[in-house]
Amino acid sequence: MPTLKNGSQLPLVDGRSIRISAFIDEGGQGEVYRVEMDGAEYALKWYSKITPSEEFYKNILHNIRMGAPAD
C-alpha cells in the first residue's frame, strides 16, 4: 500500500516542491512514484524500509554527483 497520496505536495530543501502523480511500484527499500516539479516529470524513490547508515548517505551523494542515468 502506497505511503504517499496522489496529488499531495512535498517540500524540497531548496524551497521548491514536488507533487505526487502516481504510485509506480515498491521493493525492498521503499516505493517509487511519478512526480511533477516545475512542469517536468520525474521518478521519486521514497526510502521507507531501511535504517539509513552513513554509508547509505555517502552512496546517495555519489549518485547525485554522477547525475541522472537517463533523460
C-alpha atoms as a PDB file:
ATOM      1  CA  MET A   1       0.000   0.000   0.000  1.00  0.00           C
ATOM      2  CA  PRO A   2       1.494   3.375  -1.018  1.00  0.00           C
ATOM      3  CA  THR A   3       2.701   5.687   1.743  1.00  0.00           C
ATOM      4  CA  LEU A   4       2.214   8.892  -0.272  1.00  0.00           C
ATOM      5  CA  LYS A   5      -1.109  10.018  -1.754  1.00  0.00           C
ATOM      6  CA  ASN A   6      -1.606  11.132  -5.360  1.00  0.00           C
ATOM      7  CA  GLY A   7      -1.874  14.916  -5.562  1.00  0.00           C
ATOM      8  CA  SER A   8      -0.005  15.570  -2.319  1.00  0.00           C
ATOM      9  CA  GLN A   9       2.790  18.149  -2.298  1.00  0.00           C
ATOM     10  CA  LEU A  10       6.187  17.555  -0.704  1.00  0.00           C
ATOM     11  CA  PRO A  11       8.559  20.441   0.065  1.00  0.00           C
ATOM     12  CA  LEU A  12      12.170  20.227  -1.060  1.00  0.00           C
ATOM     13  CA  VAL A  13      15.153  21.631   0.816  1.00  0.00           C
ATOM     14  CA  ASP A  14      15.691  24.271  -1.897  1.00  0.00           C
ATOM     15  CA  GLY A  15      12.230  25.786  -1.345  1.00  0.00           C
ATOM     16  CA  ARG A  16      10.544  24.168  -4.343  1.00  0.00           C
ATOM     17  CA  SER A  17       8.040  21.347  -4.035  1.00  0.00           C
ATOM     18  CA  ILE A  18       7.028  18.220  -5.906  1.00  0.00           C
ATOM     19  CA  ARG A  19       3.549  16.840  -6.497  1.00  0.00           C
ATOM     20  CA  ILE A  20       2.901  13.102  -6.353  1.00  0.00           C
ATOM     21  CA  SER A  21       1.297  11.990  -9.640  1.00  0.00           C
ATOM     22  CA  ALA A  22       1.165   8.219  -9.313  1.00  0.00           C
ATOM     23  CA  PHE A  23       2.455   5.252  -7.354  1.00  0.00           C
ATOM     24  CA  ILE A  24       4.649   3.106  -9.623  1.00  0.00           C
ATOM     25  CA  ASP A  25       5.893   0.158  -7.545  1.00  0.00           C
ATOM     26  CA  GLU A  26       7.540  -0.905  -4.308  1.00  0.00           C
ATOM     27  CA  GLY A  27      10.509  -3.058  -3.433  1.00  0.00           C
ATOM     28  CA  GLY A  28      12.846  -3.987  -0.620  1.00  0.00           C
ATOM     29  CA  GLN A  29      13.953  -0.411   0.188  1.00  0.00           C
ATOM     30  CA  GLY A  30      10.781   1.557  -0.342  1.00  0.00           C
ATOM     31  CA  GLU A  31       8.445   2.859  -3.021  1.00  0.00           C
ATOM     32  CA  VAL A  32       8.748   4.603  -6.393  1.00  0.00           C
ATOM     33  CA  TYR A  33       6.420   7.378  -7.521  1.00  0.00           C
ATOM     34  CA  ARG A  34       5.907   9.511 -10.614  1.00  0.00           C
ATOM     35  CA  VAL A  35       6.168  13.161  -9.524  1.00  0.00           C
ATOM     36  CA  GLU A  36       5.923  16.581 -11.157  1.00  0.00           C
ATOM     37  CA  MET A  37       8.230  19.507 -10.478  1.00  0.00           C
ATOM     38  CA  ASP A  38       8.468  22.773 -12.411  1.00  0.00           C
ATOM     39  CA  GLY A  39       6.351  21.326 -15.241  1.00  0.00           C
ATOM     40  CA  ALA A  40       8.511  18.217 -15.746  1.00  0.00           C
ATOM     41  CA  GLU A  41       8.012  14.584 -14.676  1.00  0.00           C
ATOM     42  CA  TYR A  42      10.480  12.661 -12.540  1.00  0.00           C
ATOM     43  CA  ALA A  43      10.695   9.441 -10.584  1.00  0.00           C
ATOM     44  CA  LEU A  44      10.958   9.654  -6.794  1.00  0.00           C
ATOM     45  CA  LYS A  45      12.271   6.788  -4.686  1.00  0.00           C
ATOM     46  CA  TRP A  46      10.811   7.018  -1.178  1.00  0.00           C
ATOM     47  CA  TYR A  47      13.027   5.049   1.202  1.00  0.00           C
ATOM     48  CA  SER A  48      10.822   3.687   3.968  1.00  0.00           C
ATOM     49  CA  LYS A  49      12.020   0.167   4.688  1.00  0.00           C
ATOM     50  CA  ILE A  50      15.614   0.811   5.730  1.00  0.00           C
ATOM     51  CA  THR A  51      17.527   2.479   8.528  1.00  0.00           C
ATOM     52  CA  PRO A  52      19.966   4.759   6.703  1.00  0.00           C
ATOM     53  CA  SER A  53      23.621   4.466   7.644  1.00  0.00           C
ATOM     54  CA  GLU A  54      26.486   6.852   6.945  1.00  0.00           C
ATOM     55  CA  GLU A  55      27.443   4.604   4.012  1.00  0.00           C
ATOM     56  CA  PHE A  56      23.904   4.928   2.616  1.00  0.00           C
ATOM     57  CA  TYR A  57      24.179   8.741   2.636  1.00  0.00           C
ATOM     58  CA  LYS A  58      27.634   8.592   1.012  1.00  0.00           C
ATOM     59  CA  ASN A  59      26.186   6.415  -1.745  1.00  0.00           C
ATOM     60  CA  ILE A  60      23.278   8.842  -2.307  1.00  0.00           C
ATOM     61  CA  LEU A  61      25.720  11.776  -2.583  1.00  0.00           C
ATOM     62  CA  HIS A  62      27.829   9.777  -5.047  1.00  0.00           C
ATOM     63  CA  ASN A  63      24.751   9.044  -7.162  1.00  0.00           C
ATOM     64  CA  ILE A  64      23.776  12.731  -7.170  1.00  0.00           C
ATOM     65  CA  ARG A  65      27.258  13.710  -8.351  1.00  0.00           C
ATOM     66  CA  MET A  66      27.089  11.101 -11.136  1.00  0.00           C
ATOM     67  CA  GLY A  67      23.873  12.617 -12.479  1.00  0.00           C
ATOM     68  CA  ALA A  68      20.714  11.062 -13.858  1.00  0.00           C
ATOM     69  CA  PRO A  69      21.177   7.707 -15.593  1.00  0.00           C
ATOM     70  CA  ALA A  70      18.784   8.732 -18.394  1.00  0.00           C
ATOM     71  CA  ASP A  71      16.726  11.686 -19.575  1.00  0.00           C
END
